[in-house]
Amino acid sequence: MSDEKQEKKLNISEKIKNSAVLDKATMVMGKAAKISSFLVCVLIALLFFLLLKYRSDLKDWAMTFVNTFGYPALFVLTWAADVIIQPIPADFLVFGSNFGGNPLWETAIVAGSSSAFGGSTGYFLGKWFGPWRFRRIFGSKIMRSGRDLFRKHGFLAIFVAGVTPIPYSAVCWIGGIYGSPLWEVIVASVISRTIRYLVVGWITGLV
């Protein structure tokens, strides 16, 4: 590639990074991250209310969705839920899939693999955008904490985020920012997210 083409490519990349649209997206992600825990609690409460009141209707809707769109939709939607920092977790998709009749293990493996793909995508986004945009979302304190965490426990950090309410997408972004090995992100994500979705599926069976 010629120097002129390389320079043009770099200029386009910088324009994308510094665009007003991206700044707006950053602000939205930051707000979403701040209300994430609260919104998840609200959504869970709403889900249980709807299950108590409209269980049969929801069951029919979930079965129709599963039979019409199947695992490809689960894969794409789970990836979309985990590739960016946003307040609605992919667990609701897994719940709906199991509630609609998909087998527990198959759902967990498909969703776990998709989630790991989403986390890996977030890893590359973090690697590309660097620390400054992440700092705008979460602040310098969390940024420093994330740096120290990855220096000491890279694999464990991804694994814990994968099975707990800690924002998984944000942790994968930090992994990319600080150059954590990609294999750590992929392996820790596949294992932790599959375990998490197995638990979600098991809970679905109790409803």
C-alpha atoms as a PDB file:
ATOM      1  CA  MET A   1       0.000   0.000   0.000  1.00  0.00           C
ATOM      2  CA  SER A   2       1.362   3.423  -0.967  1.00  0.00           C
ATOM      3  CA  ASP A   3       2.102   6.102   1.633  1.00  0.00           C
ATOM      4  CA  GLU A   4      -0.700   8.248   0.224  1.00  0.00           C
ATOM      5  CA  LYS A   5      -3.286   5.477   0.569  1.00  0.00           C
ATOM      6  CA  GLN A   6      -2.044   4.618   4.052  1.00  0.00           C
ATOM      7  CA  GLU A   7      -2.315   8.262   5.120  1.00  0.00           C
ATOM      8  CA  LYS A   8      -5.827   8.499   3.669  1.00  0.00           C
ATOM      9  CA  LYS A   9      -6.871   5.384   5.557  1.00  0.00           C
ATOM     10  CA  LEU A  10      -5.499   6.789   8.817  1.00  0.00           C
ATOM     11  CA  ASN A  11      -7.301  10.093   8.251  1.00  0.00           C
ATOM     12  CA  ILE A  12     -10.614   8.279   7.724  1.00  0.00           C
ATOM     13  CA  SER A  13     -10.018   6.271  10.890  1.00  0.00           C
ATOM     14  CA  GLU A  14      -9.327   9.425  12.896  1.00  0.00           C
ATOM     15  CA  LYS A  15     -12.436  11.126  11.523  1.00  0.00           C
ATOM     16  CA  ILE A  16     -14.560   8.159  12.595  1.00  0.00           C
ATOM     17  CA  LYS A  17     -13.036   8.179  16.060  1.00  0.00           C
ATOM     18  CA  ASN A  18     -13.616  11.896  16.506  1.00  0.00           C
ATOM     19  CA  SER A  19     -17.032  12.105  14.845  1.00  0.00           C
ATOM     20  CA  ALA A  20     -19.977  13.827  16.523  1.00  0.00           C
ATOM     21  CA  VAL A  21     -22.084  10.693  16.047  1.00  0.00           C
ATOM     22  CA  LEU A  22     -19.536   8.641  17.960  1.00  0.00           C
ATOM     23  CA  ASP A  23     -19.440  11.231  20.730  1.00  0.00           C
ATOM     24  CA  LYS A  24     -23.215  10.991  21.006  1.00  0.00           C
ATOM     25  CA  ALA A  25     -23.034   7.187  21.071  1.00  0.00           C
ATOM     26  CA  THR A  26     -20.416   7.395  23.821  1.00  0.00           C
ATOM     27  CA  MET A  27     -22.712   9.561  25.940  1.00  0.00           C
ATOM     28  CA  VAL A  28     -25.612   7.154  25.426  1.00  0.00           C
ATOM     29  CA  MET A  29     -23.445   4.163  26.384  1.00  0.00           C
ATOM     30  CA  GLY A  30     -22.250   5.994  29.467  1.00  0.00           C
ATOM     31  CA  LYS A  31     -25.794   6.723  30.607  1.00  0.00           C
ATOM     32  CA  ALA A  32     -26.835   3.145  29.854  1.00  0.00           C
ATOM     33  CA  ALA A  33     -23.960   1.787  31.921  1.00  0.00           C
ATOM     34  CA  LYS A  34     -24.907   3.994  34.878  1.00  0.00           C
ATOM     35  CA  ILE A  35     -28.539   2.833  34.940  1.00  0.00           C
ATOM     36  CA  SER A  36     -27.748  -0.761  34.001  1.00  0.00           C
ATOM     37  CA  SER A  37     -28.225  -2.411  37.423  1.00  0.00           C
ATOM     38  CA  PHE A  38     -31.409  -0.472  38.151  1.00  0.00           C
ATOM     39  CA  LEU A  39     -32.903  -1.204  34.742  1.00  0.00           C
ATOM     40  CA  VAL A  40     -32.082  -4.908  34.962  1.00  0.00           C
ATOM     41  CA  CYS A  41     -33.918  -5.117  38.300  1.00  0.00           C
ATOM     42  CA  VAL A  42     -36.914  -3.325  36.779  1.00  0.00           C
ATOM     43  CA  LEU A  43     -36.926  -5.649  33.770  1.00  0.00           C
ATOM     44  CA  ILE A  44     -36.716  -8.749  35.959  1.00  0.00           C
ATOM     45  CA  ALA A  45     -39.618  -7.524  38.111  1.00  0.00           C
ATOM     46  CA  LEU A  46     -41.620  -6.727  34.968  1.00  0.00           C
ATOM     47  CA  LEU A  47     -40.854 -10.147  33.502  1.00  0.00           C
ATOM     48  CA  PHE A  48     -42.119 -11.975  36.581  1.00  0.00           C
ATOM     49  CA  PHE A  49     -45.249  -9.816  36.657  1.00  0.00           C
ATOM     50  CA  LEU A  50     -45.947 -10.630  33.011  1.00  0.00           C
ATOM     51  CA  LEU A  51     -45.301 -14.330  33.622  1.00  0.00           C
ATOM     52  CA  LEU A  52     -47.786 -14.363  36.471  1.00  0.00           C
ATOM     53  CA  LYS A  53     -50.444 -12.532  34.508  1.00  0.00           C
ATOM     54  CA  TYR A  54     -49.861 -13.608  30.900  1.00  0.00           C
ATOM     55  CA  ARG A  55     -47.876 -16.842  31.113  1.00  0.00           C
ATOM     56  CA  SER A  56     -49.817 -18.713  28.426  1.00  0.00           C
ATOM     57  CA  ASP A  57     -49.689 -15.820  25.957  1.00  0.00           C
ATOM     58  CA  LEU A  58     -45.971 -15.314  26.521  1.00  0.00           C
ATOM     59  CA  LYS A  59     -45.370 -19.035  26.125  1.00  0.00           C
ATOM     60  CA  ASP A  60     -47.177 -19.048  22.771  1.00  0.00           C
ATOM     61  CA  TRP A  61     -45.258 -15.970  21.603  1.00  0.00           C
ATOM     62  CA  ALA A  62     -41.912 -17.459  22.632  1.00  0.00           C
ATOM     63  CA  MET A  63     -42.672 -20.761  20.877  1.00  0.00           C
ATOM     64  CA  THR A  64     -43.715 -18.925  17.711  1.00  0.00           C
ATOM     65  CA  PHE A  65     -40.526 -16.867  17.757  1.00  0.00           C
ATOM     66  CA  VAL A  66     -38.350 -19.953  18.336  1.00  0.00           C
ATOM     67  CA  ASN A  67     -40.064 -21.957  15.599  1.00  0.00           C
ATOM     68  CA  THR A  68     -39.884 -19.052  13.120  1.00  0.00           C
ATOM     69  CA  PHE A  69     -36.383 -17.690  13.676  1.00  0.00           C
ATOM     70  CA  GLY A  70     -34.595 -20.356  15.712  1.00  0.00           C
ATOM     71  CA  TYR A  71     -30.930 -20.327  16.695  1.00  0.00           C
ATOM     72  CA  PRO A  72     -29.711 -17.882  14.002  1.00  0.00           C
ATOM     73  CA  ALA A  73     -31.809 -15.130  15.594  1.00  0.00           C
ATOM     74  CA  LEU A  74     -30.574 -16.086  19.064  1.00  0.00           C
ATOM     75  CA  PHE A  75     -26.969 -15.920  17.860  1.00  0.00           C
ATOM     76  CA  VAL A  76     -27.311 -12.544  16.132  1.00  0.00           C
ATOM     77  CA  LEU A  77     -29.313 -10.880  18.918  1.00  0.00           C
ATOM     78  CA  THR A  78     -26.996 -12.182  21.653  1.00  0.00           C
ATOM     79  CA  TRP A  79     -23.984 -10.894  19.747  1.00  0.00           C
ATOM     80  CA  ALA A  80     -25.675  -7.500  19.358  1.00  0.00           C
ATOM     81  CA  ALA A  81     -26.486  -7.380  23.081  1.00  0.00           C
ATOM     82  CA  ASP A  82     -22.894  -8.111  24.121  1.00  0.00           C
ATOM     83  CA  VAL A  83     -20.873  -6.229  21.539  1.00  0.00           C
ATOM     84  CA  ILE A  84     -21.639  -2.798  23.043  1.00  0.00           C
ATOM     85  CA  ILE A  85     -22.038  -1.455  26.542  1.00  0.00           C
ATOM     86  CA  GLN A  86     -25.795  -1.279  27.122  1.00  0.00           C
ATOM     87  CA  PRO A  87     -28.166  -1.991  29.997  1.00  0.00           C
ATOM     88  CA  ILE A  88     -30.201  -4.950  28.700  1.00  0.00           C
ATOM     89  CA  PRO A  89     -28.358  -8.272  29.122  1.00  0.00           C
ATOM     90  CA  ALA A  90     -28.575 -11.191  26.721  1.00  0.00           C
ATOM     91  CA  ASP A  91     -30.015 -13.333  29.534  1.00  0.00           C
ATOM     92  CA  PHE A  92     -33.528 -12.253  28.507  1.00  0.00           C
ATOM     93  CA  LEU A  93     -32.954 -13.679  25.028  1.00  0.00           C
ATOM     94  CA  VAL A  94     -31.769 -16.966  26.504  1.00  0.00           C
ATOM     95  CA  PHE A  95     -34.740 -17.024  28.845  1.00  0.00           C
ATOM     96  CA  GLY A  96     -37.113 -16.486  25.909  1.00  0.00           C
ATOM     97  CA  SER A  97     -35.400 -19.179  23.858  1.00  0.00           C
ATOM     98  CA  ASN A  98     -35.678 -21.776  26.623  1.00  0.00           C
ATOM     99  CA  PHE A  99     -39.181 -20.636  27.493  1.00  0.00           C
ATOM    100  CA  GLY A 100     -40.120 -21.164  23.858  1.00  0.00           C
ATOM    101  CA  GLY A 101     -39.004 -24.784  23.939  1.00  0.00           C
ATOM    102  CA  ASN A 102     -35.360 -24.797  22.815  1.00  0.00           C
ATOM    103  CA  PRO A 103     -33.228 -27.406  24.638  1.00  0.00           C
ATOM    104  CA  LEU A 104     -31.155 -26.137  27.565  1.00  0.00           C
ATOM    105  CA  TRP A 105     -27.711 -27.253  26.391  1.00  0.00           C
ATOM    106  CA  GLU A 106     -28.158 -26.195  22.780  1.00  0.00           C
ATOM    107  CA  THR A 107     -29.398 -22.752  23.779  1.00  0.00           C
ATOM    108  CA  ALA A 108     -26.543 -22.258  26.243  1.00  0.00           C
ATOM    109  CA  ILE A 109     -23.888 -23.302  23.699  1.00  0.00           C
ATOM    110  CA  VAL A 110     -25.282 -21.113  20.904  1.00  0.00           C
ATOM    111  CA  ALA A 111     -25.731 -18.094  23.188  1.00  0.00           C
ATOM    112  CA  GLY A 112     -22.382 -18.660  24.914  1.00  0.00           C
ATOM    113  CA  SER A 113     -20.525 -18.824  21.609  1.00  0.00           C
ATOM    114  CA  SER A 114     -22.340 -15.746  20.311  1.00  0.00           C
ATOM    115  CA  SER A 115     -21.642 -13.849  23.523  1.00  0.00           C
ATOM    116  CA  ALA A 116     -17.940 -14.700  23.254  1.00  0.00           C
ATOM    117  CA  PHE A 117     -18.016 -13.400  19.677  1.00  0.00           C
ATOM    118  CA  GLY A 118     -19.641 -10.205  20.931  1.00  0.00           C
ATOM    119  CA  GLY A 119     -17.042  -9.868  23.675  1.00  0.00           C
ATOM    120  CA  SER A 120     -14.253 -10.373  21.162  1.00  0.00           C
ATOM    121  CA  THR A 121     -15.773  -7.688  18.953  1.00  0.00           C
ATOM    122  CA  GLY A 122     -15.823  -5.368  21.962  1.00  0.00           C
ATOM    123  CA  TYR A 123     -12.190  -6.298  22.583  1.00  0.00           C
ATOM    124  CA  PHE A 124     -11.234  -5.047  19.112  1.00  0.00           C
ATOM    125  CA  LEU A 125     -13.339  -1.907  19.576  1.00  0.00           C
ATOM    126  CA  GLY A 126     -11.438  -1.175  22.770  1.00  0.00           C
ATOM    127  CA  LYS A 127      -8.158  -1.846  20.998  1.00  0.00           C
ATOM    128  CA  TRP A 128      -9.124   0.508  18.181  1.00  0.00           C
ATOM    129  CA  PHE A 129     -10.666   3.389  20.155  1.00  0.00           C
ATOM    130  CA  GLY A 130      -8.163   3.306  22.999  1.00  0.00           C
ATOM    131  CA  PRO A 131      -8.667   4.409  26.614  1.00  0.00           C
ATOM    132  CA  TRP A 132      -9.920   7.960  26.173  1.00  0.00           C
ATOM    133  CA  ARG A 133     -13.437   7.105  25.003  1.00  0.00           C
ATOM    134  CA  PHE A 134     -13.849   4.421  27.656  1.00  0.00           C
ATOM    135  CA  ARG A 135     -12.721   6.982  30.230  1.00  0.00           C
ATOM    136  CA  ARG A 136     -15.528   9.296  29.075  1.00  0.00           C
ATOM    137  CA  ILE A 137     -18.066   6.566  29.787  1.00  0.00           C
ATOM    138  CA  PHE A 138     -16.862   5.277  33.156  1.00  0.00           C
ATOM    139  CA  GLY A 139     -14.320   7.795  34.443  1.00  0.00           C
ATOM    140  CA  SER A 140     -10.603   7.619  35.201  1.00  0.00           C
ATOM    141  CA  LYS A 141     -10.976   5.698  38.465  1.00  0.00           C
ATOM    142  CA  ILE A 142     -12.625   2.669  36.845  1.00  0.00           C
ATOM    143  CA  MET A 143     -10.149   2.930  33.997  1.00  0.00           C
ATOM    144  CA  ARG A 144      -7.204   2.637  36.397  1.00  0.00           C
ATOM    145  CA  SER A 145      -8.877  -0.171  38.313  1.00  0.00           C
ATOM    146  CA  GLY A 146      -9.460  -2.043  35.066  1.00  0.00           C
ATOM    147  CA  ARG A 147      -5.845  -1.586  34.045  1.00  0.00           C
ATOM    148  CA  ASP A 148      -4.552  -2.971  37.354  1.00  0.00           C
ATOM    149  CA  LEU A 149      -7.041  -5.835  37.241  1.00  0.00           C
ATOM    150  CA  PHE A 150      -5.965  -6.935  33.767  1.00  0.00           C
ATOM    151  CA  ARG A 151      -2.297  -6.709  34.588  1.00  0.00           C
ATOM    152  CA  LYS A 152      -2.779  -9.170  37.461  1.00  0.00           C
ATOM    153  CA  HIS A 153      -5.777 -11.313  36.499  1.00  0.00           C
ATOM    154  CA  GLY A 154      -6.607 -11.024  32.794  1.00  0.00           C
ATOM    155  CA  PHE A 155      -8.314 -14.406  32.290  1.00  0.00           C
ATOM    156  CA  LEU A 156     -10.015 -14.340  35.691  1.00  0.00           C
ATOM    157  CA  ALA A 157     -11.346 -10.812  35.089  1.00  0.00           C
ATOM    158  CA  ILE A 158     -13.138 -11.918  31.908  1.00  0.00           C
ATOM    159  CA  PHE A 159     -14.430 -15.091  33.564  1.00  0.00           C
ATOM    160  CA  VAL A 160     -15.860 -13.301  36.610  1.00  0.00           C
ATOM    161  CA  ALA A 161     -17.511 -10.647  34.424  1.00  0.00           C
ATOM    162  CA  GLY A 162     -19.009 -13.438  32.309  1.00  0.00           C
ATOM    163  CA  VAL A 163     -20.873 -15.064  35.203  1.00  0.00           C
ATOM    164  CA  THR A 164     -21.697 -12.079  37.424  1.00  0.00           C
ATOM    165  CA  PRO A 165     -23.592  -8.773  37.024  1.00  0.00           C
ATOM    166  CA  ILE A 166     -20.279  -6.971  36.331  1.00  0.00           C
ATOM    167  CA  PRO A 167     -20.639  -5.347  32.866  1.00  0.00           C
ATOM    168  CA  TYR A 168     -19.162  -8.028  30.609  1.00  0.00           C
ATOM    169  CA  SER A 169     -18.917  -5.808  27.522  1.00  0.00           C
ATOM    170  CA  ALA A 170     -16.997  -3.144  29.453  1.00  0.00           C
ATOM    171  CA  VAL A 171     -14.476  -5.686  30.736  1.00  0.00           C
ATOM    172  CA  CYS A 172     -13.869  -6.982  27.204  1.00  0.00           C
ATOM    173  CA  TRP A 173     -13.299  -3.400  26.035  1.00  0.00           C
ATOM    174  CA  ILE A 174     -10.698  -2.926  28.782  1.00  0.00           C
ATOM    175  CA  GLY A 175      -9.042  -6.159  27.684  1.00  0.00           C
ATOM    176  CA  GLY A 176      -8.632  -4.721  24.204  1.00  0.00           C
ATOM    177  CA  ILE A 177      -7.422  -1.352  25.493  1.00  0.00           C
ATOM    178  CA  TYR A 178      -4.637  -2.904  27.547  1.00  0.00           C
ATOM    179  CA  GLY A 179      -3.687  -5.606  25.076  1.00  0.00           C
ATOM    180  CA  SER A 180      -4.852  -8.689  26.933  1.00  0.00           C
ATOM    181  CA  PRO A 181      -4.241 -11.814  24.794  1.00  0.00           C
ATOM    182  CA  LEU A 182      -7.232 -12.443  22.539  1.00  0.00           C
ATOM    183  CA  TRP A 183      -7.246 -16.170  23.378  1.00  0.00           C
ATOM    184  CA  GLU A 184      -7.894 -15.277  27.030  1.00  0.00           C
ATOM    185  CA  VAL A 185     -10.941 -13.248  26.072  1.00  0.00           C
ATOM    186  CA  ILE A 186     -12.328 -15.984  23.814  1.00  0.00           C
ATOM    187  CA  VAL A 187     -11.713 -18.969  26.105  1.00  0.00           C
ATOM    188  CA  ALA A 188     -12.815 -17.219  29.314  1.00  0.00           C
ATOM    189  CA  SER A 189     -15.899 -15.856  27.544  1.00  0.00           C
ATOM    190  CA  VAL A 190     -17.027 -19.161  26.034  1.00  0.00           C
ATOM    191  CA  ILE A 191     -16.678 -20.994  29.356  1.00  0.00           C
ATOM    192  CA  SER A 192     -18.170 -18.324  31.617  1.00  0.00           C
ATOM    193  CA  ARG A 193     -21.037 -17.260  29.362  1.00  0.00           C
ATOM    194  CA  THR A 194     -22.064 -20.853  28.611  1.00  0.00           C
ATOM    195  CA  ILE A 195     -22.146 -21.595  32.351  1.00  0.00           C
ATOM    196  CA  ARG A 196     -24.192 -18.458  32.961  1.00  0.00           C
ATOM    197  CA  TYR A 197     -26.730 -19.330  30.272  1.00  0.00           C
ATOM    198  CA  LEU A 198     -27.022 -22.875  31.564  1.00  0.00           C
ATOM    199  CA  VAL A 199     -28.047 -21.390  34.903  1.00  0.00           C
ATOM    200  CA  VAL A 200     -30.509 -19.038  33.183  1.00  0.00           C
ATOM    201  CA  GLY A 201     -31.979 -22.001  31.297  1.00  0.00           C
ATOM    202  CA  TRP A 202     -32.267 -24.001  34.485  1.00  0.00           C
ATOM    203  CA  ILE A 203     -34.114 -21.105  36.151  1.00  0.00           C
ATOM    204  CA  THR A 204     -36.408 -20.915  33.120  1.00  0.00           C
ATOM    205  CA  GLY A 205     -37.376 -24.539  33.711  1.00  0.00           C
ATOM    206  CA  LEU A 206     -38.524 -23.626  37.214  1.00  0.00           C
ATOM    207  CA  VAL A 207     -40.891 -20.903  36.001  1.00  0.00           C
END
